C-alpha atoms as a PDB file:
ATOM      1  CA  UNK A   1    -131.664 -71.068-115.284  1.00  0.00           C
ATOM      2  CA  UNK A   2    -135.221 -71.072-114.051  1.00  0.00           C
ATOM      3  CA  UNK A   3    -137.699 -69.998-116.678  1.00  0.00           C
ATOM      4  CA  UNK A   4    -141.343 -69.069-116.497  1.00  0.00           C
ATOM      5  CA  UNK A   5    -143.654 -71.921-117.489  1.00  0.00           C
ATOM      6  CA  UNK A   6    -146.033 -70.925-120.244  1.00  0.00           C
ATOM      7  CA  UNK A   7    -147.234 -74.278-121.552  1.00  0.00           C
ATOM      8  CA  UNK A   8    -145.715 -76.293-124.384  1.00  0.00           C
ATOM      9  CA  UNK A   9    -146.712 -78.377-127.363  1.00  0.00           C
ATOM     10  CA  UNK A  10    -145.522 -81.752-128.578  1.00  0.00           C
ATOM     11  CA  UNK A  11    -143.326 -80.068-131.163  1.00  0.00           C
ATOM     12  CA  UNK A  12    -141.649 -77.811-128.625  1.00  0.00           C
ATOM     13  CA  UNK A  13    -141.127 -80.632-126.134  1.00  0.00           C
ATOM     14  CA  UNK A  14    -139.409 -82.987-128.573  1.00  0.00           C
ATOM     15  CA  UNK A  15    -136.175 -81.270-127.604  1.00  0.00           C
ATOM     16  CA  UNK A  16    -136.398 -83.139-124.286  1.00  0.00           C
ATOM     17  CA  UNK A  17    -136.466 -86.597-125.865  1.00  0.00           C
ATOM     18  CA  UNK A  18    -132.717 -86.990-125.287  1.00  0.00           C
ATOM     19  CA  UNK A  19    -132.205 -85.233-121.949  1.00  0.00           C
ATOM     20  CA  UNK A  20    -128.689 -86.666-121.721  1.00  0.00           C
ATOM     21  CA  UNK A  21    -127.568 -84.203-124.390  1.00  0.00           C
ATOM     22  CA  UNK A  22    -126.381 -80.884-122.905  1.00  0.00           C
ATOM     23  CA  UNK A  23    -128.248 -78.866-125.538  1.00  0.00           C
ATOM     24  CA  UNK A  24    -131.550 -80.369-124.413  1.00  0.00           C
ATOM     25  CA  UNK A  25    -131.100 -79.712-120.694  1.00  0.00           C
ATOM     26  CA  UNK A  26    -132.937 -76.360-120.764  1.00  0.00           C
ATOM     27  CA  UNK A  27    -135.550 -74.624-122.870  1.00  0.00           C
ATOM     28  CA  UNK A  28    -137.391 -71.336-122.888  1.00  0.00           C
ATOM     29  CA  UNK A  29    -140.462 -73.135-121.558  1.00  0.00           C
ATOM     30  CA  UNK A  30    -139.376 -75.303-118.634  1.00  0.00           C
ATOM     31  CA  UNK A  31    -136.355 -75.818-116.406  1.00  0.00           C
ATOM     32  CA  UNK A  32    -135.045 -79.376-116.187  1.00  0.00           C
ATOM     33  CA  UNK A  33    -133.492 -80.283-112.840  1.00  0.00           C
ATOM     34  CA  UNK A  34    -129.903 -81.573-113.090  1.00  0.00           C
ATOM     35  CA  UNK A  35    -128.960 -84.784-111.347  1.00  0.00           C
ATOM     36  CA  UNK A  36    -128.152 -84.425-107.665  1.00  0.00           C
ATOM     37  CA  UNK A  37    -124.470 -84.914-106.805  1.00  0.00           C
ATOM     38  CA  UNK A  38    -124.143 -87.795-104.301  1.00  0.00           C
ATOM     39  CA  UNK A  39    -123.043 -86.548-100.895  1.00  0.00           C
ATOM     40  CA  UNK A  40    -123.323 -82.888-101.873  1.00  0.00           C
ATOM     41  CA  UNK A  41    -126.009 -80.339-101.111  1.00  0.00           C
ATOM     42  CA  UNK A  42    -127.897 -78.316-103.677  1.00  0.00           C
ATOM     43  CA  UNK A  43    -126.269 -75.125-104.871  1.00  0.00           C
ATOM     44  CA  UNK A  44    -128.644 -72.441-103.594  1.00  0.00           C
ATOM     45  CA  UNK A  45    -128.516 -69.009-105.234  1.00  0.00           C
ATOM     46  CA  UNK A  46    -127.758 -66.125-102.851  1.00  0.00           C
ATOM     47  CA  UNK A  47    -130.914 -64.316-101.771  1.00  0.00           C
ATOM     48  CA  UNK A  48    -131.795 -61.387-104.026  1.00  0.00           C
ATOM     49  CA  UNK A  49    -134.618 -58.913-104.341  1.00  0.00           C
ATOM     50  CA  UNK A  50    -137.509 -60.545-106.149  1.00  0.00           C
ATOM     51  CA  UNK A  51    -140.647 -62.616-105.603  1.00  0.00           C
ATOM     52  CA  UNK A  52    -140.731 -64.815-102.498  1.00  0.00           C
ATOM     53  CA  UNK A  53    -143.254 -67.128-100.891  1.00  0.00           C
ATOM     54  CA  UNK A  54    -145.322 -65.604 -98.080  1.00  0.00           C
ATOM     55  CA  UNK A  55    -144.282 -67.200 -94.804  1.00  0.00           C
ATOM     56  CA  UNK A  56    -147.810 -66.957 -93.363  1.00  0.00           C
ATOM     57  CA  UNK A  57    -149.699 -68.465 -96.308  1.00  0.00           C
ATOM     58  CA  UNK A  58    -148.190 -71.172 -98.521  1.00  0.00           C
ATOM     59  CA  UNK A  59    -150.763 -73.152-100.483  1.00  0.00           C
ATOM     60  CA  UNK A  60    -149.649 -76.459-102.010  1.00  0.00           C
ATOM     61  CA  UNK A  61    -151.498 -78.892-104.278  1.00  0.00           C
ATOM     62  CA  UNK A  62    -150.292 -82.440-104.943  1.00  0.00           C
ATOM     63  CA  UNK A  63    -151.607 -84.894-107.559  1.00  0.00           C
ATOM     64  CA  UNK A  64    -150.564 -87.908-109.597  1.00  0.00           C
ATOM     65  CA  UNK A  65    -151.982 -86.708-112.916  1.00  0.00           C
ATOM     66  CA  UNK A  66    -151.746 -90.110-114.680  1.00  0.00           C
ATOM     67  CA  UNK A  67    -149.902 -88.683-117.678  1.00  0.00           C
ATOM     68  CA  UNK A  68    -152.875 -86.384-118.477  1.00  0.00           C
ATOM     69  CA  UNK A  69    -154.330 -89.402-120.262  1.00  0.00           C
ATOM     70  CA  UNK A  70    -157.956 -89.290-119.118  1.00  0.00           C
ATOM     71  CA  UNK A  71    -160.746 -86.968-120.248  1.00  0.00           C
ATOM     72  CA  UNK A  72    -161.291 -84.098-117.821  1.00  0.00           C
ATOM     73  CA  UNK A  73    -157.767 -83.938-116.382  1.00  0.00           C
ATOM     74  CA  UNK A  74    -157.459 -80.250-117.239  1.00  0.00           C
ATOM     75  CA  UNK A  75    -160.701 -79.379-115.428  1.00  0.00           C
ATOM     76  CA  UNK A  76    -159.642 -81.379-112.375  1.00  0.00           C
ATOM     77  CA  UNK A  77    -156.225 -79.708-112.391  1.00  0.00           C
ATOM     78  CA  UNK A  78    -157.788 -76.267-112.637  1.00  0.00           C
ATOM     79  CA  UNK A  79    -160.000 -76.872-109.587  1.00  0.00           C
ATOM     80  CA  UNK A  80    -157.218 -78.496-107.586  1.00  0.00           C
ATOM     81  CA  UNK A  81    -154.679 -75.735-108.131  1.00  0.00           C
ATOM     82  CA  UNK A  82    -156.789 -72.636-107.498  1.00  0.00           C
ATOM     83  CA  UNK A  83    -154.632 -70.038-105.720  1.00  0.00           C
ATOM     84  CA  UNK A  84    -151.816 -72.579-105.287  1.00  0.00           C
ATOM     85  CA  UNK A  85    -148.296 -71.267-104.708  1.00  0.00           C
ATOM     86  CA  UNK A  86    -146.726 -74.698-105.222  1.00  0.00           C
ATOM     87  CA  UNK A  87    -148.061 -77.529-107.394  1.00  0.00           C
ATOM     88  CA  UNK A  88    -146.468 -80.959-107.212  1.00  0.00           C
ATOM     89  CA  UNK A  89    -147.417 -83.379-110.003  1.00  0.00           C
ATOM     90  CA  UNK A  90    -146.396 -86.990-110.490  1.00  0.00           C
ATOM     91  CA  UNK A  91    -146.659 -88.751-113.871  1.00  0.00           C
ATOM     92  CA  UNK A  92    -146.570 -85.365-115.566  1.00  0.00           C
ATOM     93  CA  UNK A  93    -145.507 -85.469-119.205  1.00  0.00           C
ATOM     94  CA  UNK A  94    -143.628 -83.154-121.516  1.00  0.00           C
ATOM     95  CA  UNK A  95    -145.954 -83.990-124.381  1.00  0.00           C
ATOM     96  CA  UNK A  96    -149.178 -82.579-122.918  1.00  0.00           C
ATOM     97  CA  UNK A  97    -149.550 -78.985-121.697  1.00  0.00           C
ATOM     98  CA  UNK A  98    -150.464 -78.394-118.070  1.00  0.00           C
ATOM     99  CA  UNK A  99    -150.662 -74.594-118.196  1.00  0.00           C
ATOM    100  CA  UNK A 100    -154.420 -74.228-117.829  1.00  0.00           C
ATOM    101  CA  UNK A 101    -156.556 -71.531-116.221  1.00  0.00           C
ATOM    102  CA  UNK A 102    -153.891 -69.452-114.526  1.00  0.00           C
ATOM    103  CA  UNK A 103    -150.956 -71.852-114.392  1.00  0.00           C
ATOM    104  CA  UNK A 104    -149.329 -69.916-117.233  1.00  0.00           C
ATOM    105  CA  UNK A 105    -147.909 -67.574-114.570  1.00  0.00           C
ATOM    106  CA  UNK A 106    -146.039 -70.372-112.787  1.00  0.00           C
ATOM    107  CA  UNK A 107    -142.417 -71.385-113.064  1.00  0.00           C
ATOM    108  CA  UNK A 108    -141.796 -75.066-113.826  1.00  0.00           C
ATOM    109  CA  UNK A 109    -139.160 -77.636-112.908  1.00  0.00           C
ATOM    110  CA  UNK A 110    -139.227 -81.130-114.379  1.00  0.00           C
ATOM    111  CA  UNK A 111    -137.384 -84.292-113.308  1.00  0.00           C
ATOM    112  CA  UNK A 112    -137.573 -87.027-115.943  1.00  0.00           C
ATOM    113  CA  UNK A 113    -138.521 -90.590-115.068  1.00  0.00           C
ATOM    114  CA  UNK A 114    -140.102 -92.952-117.584  1.00  0.00           C
ATOM    115  CA  UNK A 115    -139.285 -92.476-121.278  1.00  0.00           C
ATOM    116  CA  UNK A 116    -140.461 -94.025-124.518  1.00  0.00           C
ATOM    117  CA  UNK A 117    -139.983 -92.931-128.115  1.00  0.00           C
ATOM    118  CA  UNK A 118    -143.095 -90.777-127.840  1.00  0.00           C
ATOM    119  CA  UNK A 119    -143.459 -89.992-124.120  1.00  0.00           C
ATOM    120  CA  UNK A 120    -141.368 -88.518-121.328  1.00  0.00           C
ATOM    121  CA  UNK A 121    -142.977 -88.538-117.904  1.00  0.00           C
ATOM    122  CA  UNK A 122    -141.737 -87.689-114.452  1.00  0.00           C
ATOM    123  CA  UNK A 123    -142.411 -85.295-111.603  1.00  0.00           C
ATOM    124  CA  UNK A 124    -143.103 -81.602-112.164  1.00  0.00           C
ATOM    125  CA  UNK A 125    -143.012 -78.809-109.589  1.00  0.00           C
ATOM    126  CA  UNK A 126    -144.783 -75.583-110.542  1.00  0.00           C
ATOM    127  CA  UNK A 127    -144.367 -72.462-108.428  1.00  0.00           C
ATOM    128  CA  UNK A 128    -145.356 -68.810-108.292  1.00  0.00           C
ATOM    129  CA  UNK A 129    -141.749 -67.828-107.532  1.00  0.00           C
ATOM    130  CA  UNK A 130    -138.549 -69.137-109.125  1.00  0.00           C
ATOM    131  CA  UNK A 131    -136.592 -71.810-107.287  1.00  0.00           C
ATOM    132  CA  UNK A 132    -133.295 -70.811-105.698  1.00  0.00           C
ATOM    133  CA  UNK A 133    -131.869 -74.290-106.266  1.00  0.00           C
ATOM    134  CA  UNK A 134    -132.842 -77.643-107.743  1.00  0.00           C
ATOM    135  CA  UNK A 135    -131.664 -81.162-108.492  1.00  0.00           C
ATOM    136  CA  UNK A 136    -133.191 -84.551-109.345  1.00  0.00           C
ATOM    137  CA  UNK A 137    -132.853 -88.075-107.984  1.00  0.00           C
ATOM    138  CA  UNK A 138    -133.624 -91.215-109.982  1.00  0.00           C
ATOM    139  CA  UNK A 139    -134.285 -94.748-108.708  1.00  0.00           C
ATOM    140  CA  UNK A 140    -135.035 -97.734-110.924  1.00  0.00           C
ATOM    141  CA  UNK A 141    -137.922-100.131-110.552  1.00  0.00           C
ATOM    142  CA  UNK A 142    -136.259-103.525-109.816  1.00  0.00           C
ATOM    143  CA  UNK A 143    -138.674-105.456-112.059  1.00  0.00           C
ATOM    144  CA  UNK A 144    -139.378-103.074-114.898  1.00  0.00           C
ATOM    145  CA  UNK A 145    -135.987-101.304-114.797  1.00  0.00           C
ATOM    146  CA  UNK A 146    -137.791 -98.005-115.383  1.00  0.00           C
ATOM    147  CA  UNK A 147    -136.825 -94.968-113.311  1.00  0.00           C
ATOM    148  CA  UNK A 148    -138.889 -93.121-110.724  1.00  0.00           C
ATOM    149  CA  UNK A 149    -137.990 -89.446-110.317  1.00  0.00           C
ATOM    150  CA  UNK A 150    -137.716 -87.102-107.356  1.00  0.00           C
ATOM    151  CA  UNK A 151    -137.389 -83.318-107.739  1.00  0.00           C
ATOM    152  CA  UNK A 152    -135.649 -81.455-104.919  1.00  0.00           C
ATOM    153  CA  UNK A 153    -136.070 -77.673-104.892  1.00  0.00           C
ATOM    154  CA  UNK A 154    -135.460 -74.656-102.669  1.00  0.00           C
ATOM    155  CA  UNK A 155    -137.680 -71.565-102.596  1.00  0.00           C
ATOM    156  CA  UNK A 156    -137.074 -68.210-100.883  1.00  0.00           C
ATOM    157  CA  UNK A 157    -139.562 -67.217 -98.167  1.00  0.00           C
ATOM    158  CA  UNK A 158    -140.231 -63.611 -97.178  1.00  0.00           C
ATOM    159  CA  UNK A 159    -139.101 -64.132 -93.564  1.00  0.00           C
ATOM    160  CA  UNK A 160    -135.578 -65.065 -94.652  1.00  0.00           C
ATOM    161  CA  UNK A 161    -136.068 -68.818 -94.704  1.00  0.00           C
ATOM    162  CA  UNK A 162    -135.403 -71.173 -97.580  1.00  0.00           C
ATOM    163  CA  UNK A 163    -138.188 -73.730 -98.022  1.00  0.00           C
ATOM    164  CA  UNK A 164    -137.074 -77.191 -99.109  1.00  0.00           C
ATOM    165  CA  UNK A 165    -139.704 -78.847-101.331  1.00  0.00           C
ATOM    166  CA  UNK A 166    -139.340 -82.495-102.376  1.00  0.00           C
ATOM    167  CA  UNK A 167    -141.644 -83.955-105.032  1.00  0.00           C
ATOM    168  CA  UNK A 168    -141.518 -87.760-104.911  1.00  0.00           C
ATOM    169  CA  UNK A 169    -142.839 -90.627-107.026  1.00  0.00           C
ATOM    170  CA  UNK A 170    -142.087 -93.757-105.035  1.00  0.00           C
ATOM    171  CA  UNK A 171    -140.639 -96.967-106.435  1.00  0.00           C
ATOM    172  CA  UNK A 172    -143.585 -99.313-106.802  1.00  0.00           C
ATOM    173  CA  UNK A 173    -143.201-102.829-108.228  1.00  0.00           C
ATOM    174  CA  UNK A 174    -141.047-104.685-105.698  1.00  0.00           C
ATOM    175  CA  UNK A 175    -141.218-107.872-103.623  1.00  0.00           C
ATOM    176  CA  UNK A 176    -139.943-106.063-100.520  1.00  0.00           C
ATOM    177  CA  UNK A 177    -139.891-102.497 -99.246  1.00  0.00           C
ATOM    178  CA  UNK A 178    -136.100-102.298 -99.518  1.00  0.00           C
ATOM    179  CA  UNK A 179    -135.982-100.320-102.809  1.00  0.00           C
ATOM    180  CA  UNK A 180    -138.366 -97.731-101.338  1.00  0.00           C
ATOM    181  CA  UNK A 181    -136.218 -97.674 -98.209  1.00  0.00           C
ATOM    182  CA  UNK A 182    -133.180 -96.766-100.341  1.00  0.00           C
ATOM    183  CA  UNK A 183    -135.117 -94.074-102.182  1.00  0.00           C
ATOM    184  CA  UNK A 184    -136.242 -92.528 -98.895  1.00  0.00           C
ATOM    185  CA  UNK A 185    -132.705 -92.799 -97.481  1.00  0.00           C
ATOM    186  CA  UNK A 186    -131.320 -90.793-100.410  1.00  0.00           C
ATOM    187  CA  UNK A 187    -134.003 -88.177 -99.852  1.00  0.00           C
ATOM    188  CA  UNK A 188    -133.093 -88.193 -96.168  1.00  0.00           C
ATOM    189  CA  UNK A 189    -129.577 -86.972 -96.934  1.00  0.00           C
ATOM    190  CA  UNK A 190    -131.047 -83.775 -98.360  1.00  0.00           C
ATOM    191  CA  UNK A 191    -133.423 -83.375 -95.426  1.00  0.00           C
ATOM    192  CA  UNK A 192    -130.516 -83.838 -93.017  1.00  0.00           C
ATOM    193  CA  UNK A 193    -128.541 -81.045 -94.673  1.00  0.00           C
ATOM    194  CA  UNK A 194    -131.429 -78.575 -94.489  1.00  0.00           C
ATOM    195  CA  UNK A 195    -132.106 -76.600 -91.307  1.00  0.00           C
ATOM    196  CA  UNK A 196    -135.228 -74.684 -92.350  1.00  0.00           C
ATOM    197  CA  UNK A 197    -138.845 -75.588 -93.107  1.00  0.00           C
ATOM    198  CA  UNK A 198    -139.561 -78.343 -95.594  1.00  0.00           C
ATOM    199  CA  UNK A 199    -142.309 -80.148 -97.477  1.00  0.00           C
ATOM    200  CA  UNK A 200    -142.036 -83.712 -98.765  1.00  0.00           C
ATOM    201  CA  UNK A 201    -145.044 -84.728-100.851  1.00  0.00           C
ATOM    202  CA  UNK A 202    -146.069 -87.019-103.671  1.00  0.00           C
ATOM    203  CA  UNK A 203    -147.195 -90.491-104.615  1.00  0.00           C
ATOM    204  CA  UNK A 204    -145.212 -92.678-102.200  1.00  0.00           C
ATOM    205  CA  UNK A 205    -146.779 -95.965-103.354  1.00  0.00           C
ATOM    206  CA  UNK A 206    -147.105 -96.993 -99.702  1.00  0.00           C
ATOM    207  CA  UNK A 207    -149.533 -99.817-100.430  1.00  0.00           C
ATOM    208  CA  UNK A 208    -148.264-102.244 -97.774  1.00  0.00           C
ATOM    209  CA  UNK A 209    -147.622-102.162 -94.039  1.00  0.00           C
ATOM    210  CA  UNK A 210    -143.901-102.615 -94.693  1.00  0.00           C
ATOM    211  CA  UNK A 211    -143.839 -99.600 -96.971  1.00  0.00           C
ATOM    212  CA  UNK A 212    -145.803 -97.541 -94.466  1.00  0.00           C
ATOM    213  CA  UNK A 213    -143.256 -98.569 -91.841  1.00  0.00           C
ATOM    214  CA  UNK A 214    -140.387 -97.260 -93.988  1.00  0.00           C
ATOM    215  CA  UNK A 215    -142.192 -93.951 -94.316  1.00  0.00           C
ATOM    216  CA  UNK A 216    -142.779 -93.908 -90.563  1.00  0.00           C
ATOM    217  CA  UNK A 217    -139.051 -94.415 -89.970  1.00  0.00           C
ATOM    218  CA  UNK A 218    -138.208 -91.479 -92.211  1.00  0.00           C
ATOM    219  CA  UNK A 219    -140.692 -89.286 -90.347  1.00  0.00           C
ATOM    220  CA  UNK A 220    -139.277 -90.326 -86.986  1.00  0.00           C
ATOM    221  CA  UNK A 221    -135.654 -89.858 -88.038  1.00  0.00           C
ATOM    222  CA  UNK A 222    -136.170 -86.320 -89.324  1.00  0.00           C
ATOM    223  CA  UNK A 223    -139.046 -85.013 -87.228  1.00  0.00           C
ATOM    224  CA  UNK A 224    -141.609 -84.876 -90.030  1.00  0.00           C
ATOM    225  CA  UNK A 225    -145.344 -84.427 -89.486  1.00  0.00           C
ATOM    226  CA  UNK A 226    -148.006 -85.927 -91.748  1.00  0.00           C
ATOM    227  CA  UNK A 227    -150.807 -83.648 -92.927  1.00  0.00           C
ATOM    228  CA  UNK A 228    -154.198 -85.125 -92.027  1.00  0.00           C
ATOM    229  CA  UNK A 229    -157.526 -84.672 -93.800  1.00  0.00           C
ATOM    230  CA  UNK A 230    -160.956 -84.590 -92.159  1.00  0.00           C
ATOM    231  CA  UNK A 231    -162.723 -85.855 -95.278  1.00  0.00           C
ATOM    232  CA  UNK A 232    -159.897 -88.099 -96.399  1.00  0.00           C
ATOM    233  CA  UNK A 233    -160.496 -89.228 -99.987  1.00  0.00           C
ATOM    234  CA  UNK A 234    -156.956 -90.369-100.682  1.00  0.00           C
ATOM    235  CA  UNK A 235    -156.703 -93.589-102.696  1.00  0.00           C
ATOM    236  CA  UNK A 236    -155.817 -96.535-100.446  1.00  0.00           C
ATOM    237  CA  UNK A 237    -154.672-100.122-100.901  1.00  0.00           C
ATOM    238  CA  UNK A 238    -155.446-102.419 -97.955  1.00  0.00           C
ATOM    239  CA  UNK A 239    -156.306 -99.262 -95.983  1.00  0.00           C
ATOM    240  CA  UNK A 240    -152.880 -97.764 -96.727  1.00  0.00           C
ATOM    241  CA  UNK A 241    -152.962 -94.313 -98.377  1.00  0.00           C
ATOM    242  CA  UNK A 242    -150.630 -93.938-101.355  1.00  0.00           C
ATOM    243  CA  UNK A 243    -150.236 -90.149-101.339  1.00  0.00           C
ATOM    244  CA  UNK A 244    -148.838 -88.033 -98.525  1.00  0.00           C
ATOM    245  CA  UNK A 245    -147.811 -84.509 -97.589  1.00  0.00           C
ATOM    246  CA  UNK A 246    -145.152 -84.364 -94.868  1.00  0.00           C
ATOM    247  CA  UNK A 247    -143.837 -81.165 -93.288  1.00  0.00           C
ATOM    248  CA  UNK A 248    -141.341 -79.814 -90.799  1.00  0.00           C
ATOM    249  CA  UNK A 249    -141.236 -76.303 -89.354  1.00  0.00           C
ATOM    250  CA  UNK A 250    -144.677 -75.528 -90.763  1.00  0.00           C
ATOM    251  CA  UNK A 251    -148.170 -75.196 -89.287  1.00  0.00           C
ATOM    252  CA  UNK A 252    -151.232 -76.481 -91.131  1.00  0.00           C
ATOM    253  CA  UNK A 253    -153.866 -73.768 -91.605  1.00  0.00           C
ATOM    254  CA  UNK A 254    -156.257 -75.926 -93.656  1.00  0.00           C
ATOM    255  CA  UNK A 255    -156.244 -79.127 -95.712  1.00  0.00           C
ATOM    256  CA  UNK A 256    -158.584 -81.052 -97.958  1.00  0.00           C
ATOM    257  CA  UNK A 257    -158.680 -83.742-100.624  1.00  0.00           C
ATOM    258  CA  UNK A 258    -160.323 -83.572-104.032  1.00  0.00           C
ATOM    259  CA  UNK A 259    -161.903 -86.575-105.726  1.00  0.00           C
ATOM    260  CA  UNK A 260    -161.004 -86.635-109.419  1.00  0.00           C
ATOM    261  CA  UNK A 261    -162.451 -88.600-112.296  1.00  0.00           C
ATOM    262  CA  UNK A 262    -159.421 -88.294-114.548  1.00  0.00           C
ATOM    263  CA  UNK A 263    -156.757 -90.157-112.553  1.00  0.00           C
ATOM    264  CA  UNK A 264    -156.353 -93.207-110.332  1.00  0.00           C
ATOM    265  CA  UNK A 265    -155.256 -90.798-107.578  1.00  0.00           C
ATOM    266  CA  UNK A 266    -157.142 -87.985-105.870  1.00  0.00           C
ATOM    267  CA  UNK A 267    -155.690 -84.550-105.231  1.00  0.00           C
ATOM    268  CA  UNK A 268    -154.361 -83.175-101.937  1.00  0.00           C
ATOM    269  CA  UNK A 269    -154.356 -79.498-100.944  1.00  0.00           C
ATOM    270  CA  UNK A 270    -152.837 -77.882 -97.866  1.00  0.00           C
ATOM    271  CA  UNK A 271    -152.314 -74.288 -96.733  1.00  0.00           C
ATOM    272  CA  UNK A 272    -149.328 -73.799 -94.449  1.00  0.00           C
ATOM    273  CA  UNK A 273    -147.604 -71.174 -92.351  1.00  0.00           C
ATOM    274  CA  UNK A 274    -143.869 -71.143 -91.647  1.00  0.00           C
ATOM    275  CA  UNK A 275    -143.386 -71.283 -87.881  1.00  0.00           C
ATOM    276  CA  UNK A 276    -139.607 -71.597 -87.685  1.00  0.00           C
ATOM    277  CA  UNK A 277    -137.649 -68.357 -87.917  1.00  0.00           C
ATOM    278  CA  UNK A 278    -134.360 -68.436 -89.833  1.00  0.00           C
ATOM    279  CA  UNK A 279    -131.097 -68.882 -88.006  1.00  0.00           C
ATOM    280  CA  UNK A 280    -128.977 -65.748 -88.725  1.00  0.00           C
ATOM    281  CA  UNK A 281    -125.770 -67.760 -88.892  1.00  0.00           C
ATOM    282  CA  UNK A 282    -127.298 -70.200 -91.358  1.00  0.00           C
ATOM    283  CA  UNK A 283    -128.522 -67.419 -93.646  1.00  0.00           C
ATOM    284  CA  UNK A 284    -125.142 -65.675 -93.568  1.00  0.00           C
ATOM    285  CA  UNK A 285    -123.462 -68.939 -94.516  1.00  0.00           C
ATOM    286  CA  UNK A 286    -125.938 -69.536 -97.339  1.00  0.00           C
ATOM    287  CA  UNK A 287    -125.408 -66.050 -98.671  1.00  0.00           C
ATOM    288  CA  UNK A 288    -121.643 -66.434 -98.545  1.00  0.00           C
ATOM    289  CA  UNK A 289    -121.350 -69.902-100.048  1.00  0.00           C
ATOM    290  CA  UNK A 290    -124.463 -70.205-102.189  1.00  0.00           C
ATOM    291  CA  UNK A 291    -124.943 -73.804-101.070  1.00  0.00           C
ATOM    292  CA  UNK A 292    -127.412 -75.735 -98.974  1.00  0.00           C
END
């Protein structure tokens, strides 16, 4: 079930505190992505009449929102997400509403990561149209033993394509890049199974040359392009940007970054056009099987 996101309060979101319980897996306010099945593709709903993304104009905003913990986060979010079709947030929480200034009309999918007795944070994908399929990956920080979440979603496009959208928060506190390599490898299995356009975006925590190299390998293996920014205000560590938007089968119409005062990350915005036409055989197979 994908439900329209209308904002939620602490009281309403307490139902998510124990996401392991079947009764807490869904609510009337937000759709929680189930765990991905290893080695299996996402179950994609057969295409039906209804809202779809425009193939010639897909606007995406990406931001690590720092748990909405700093003053002014709602104003920054409102500016960042103007006219956005897809909004990818990292360190989003269930305890603080993000439906501000127009986001009430968006659908929401949440993949849980870090949890305490009073806080559940993770990645959140908001969209103007409901997802046709979704699942979540989880990878633990080797030191802290806390999970980092990835939300994997499919969205129908009006030219017959299915757009794969992956919202990633990269494993961070490690001696080597190997844990990030494993996280990217698991994401790669979903990219490999998808033949249409895709977007992979988020906070990759690529703060070292070794981590950047792992990301470069993923891009090379799957033919991904990195969105560039003329006035690049992405947060960097040792000249390595932490946040990225990667695409395949899409053309960049425009892109920009937004400096924010309410997070330790700045926002990224890109407008895209789908350049790859759907393969008729692929679409017939999707319609028949309902799987990726």
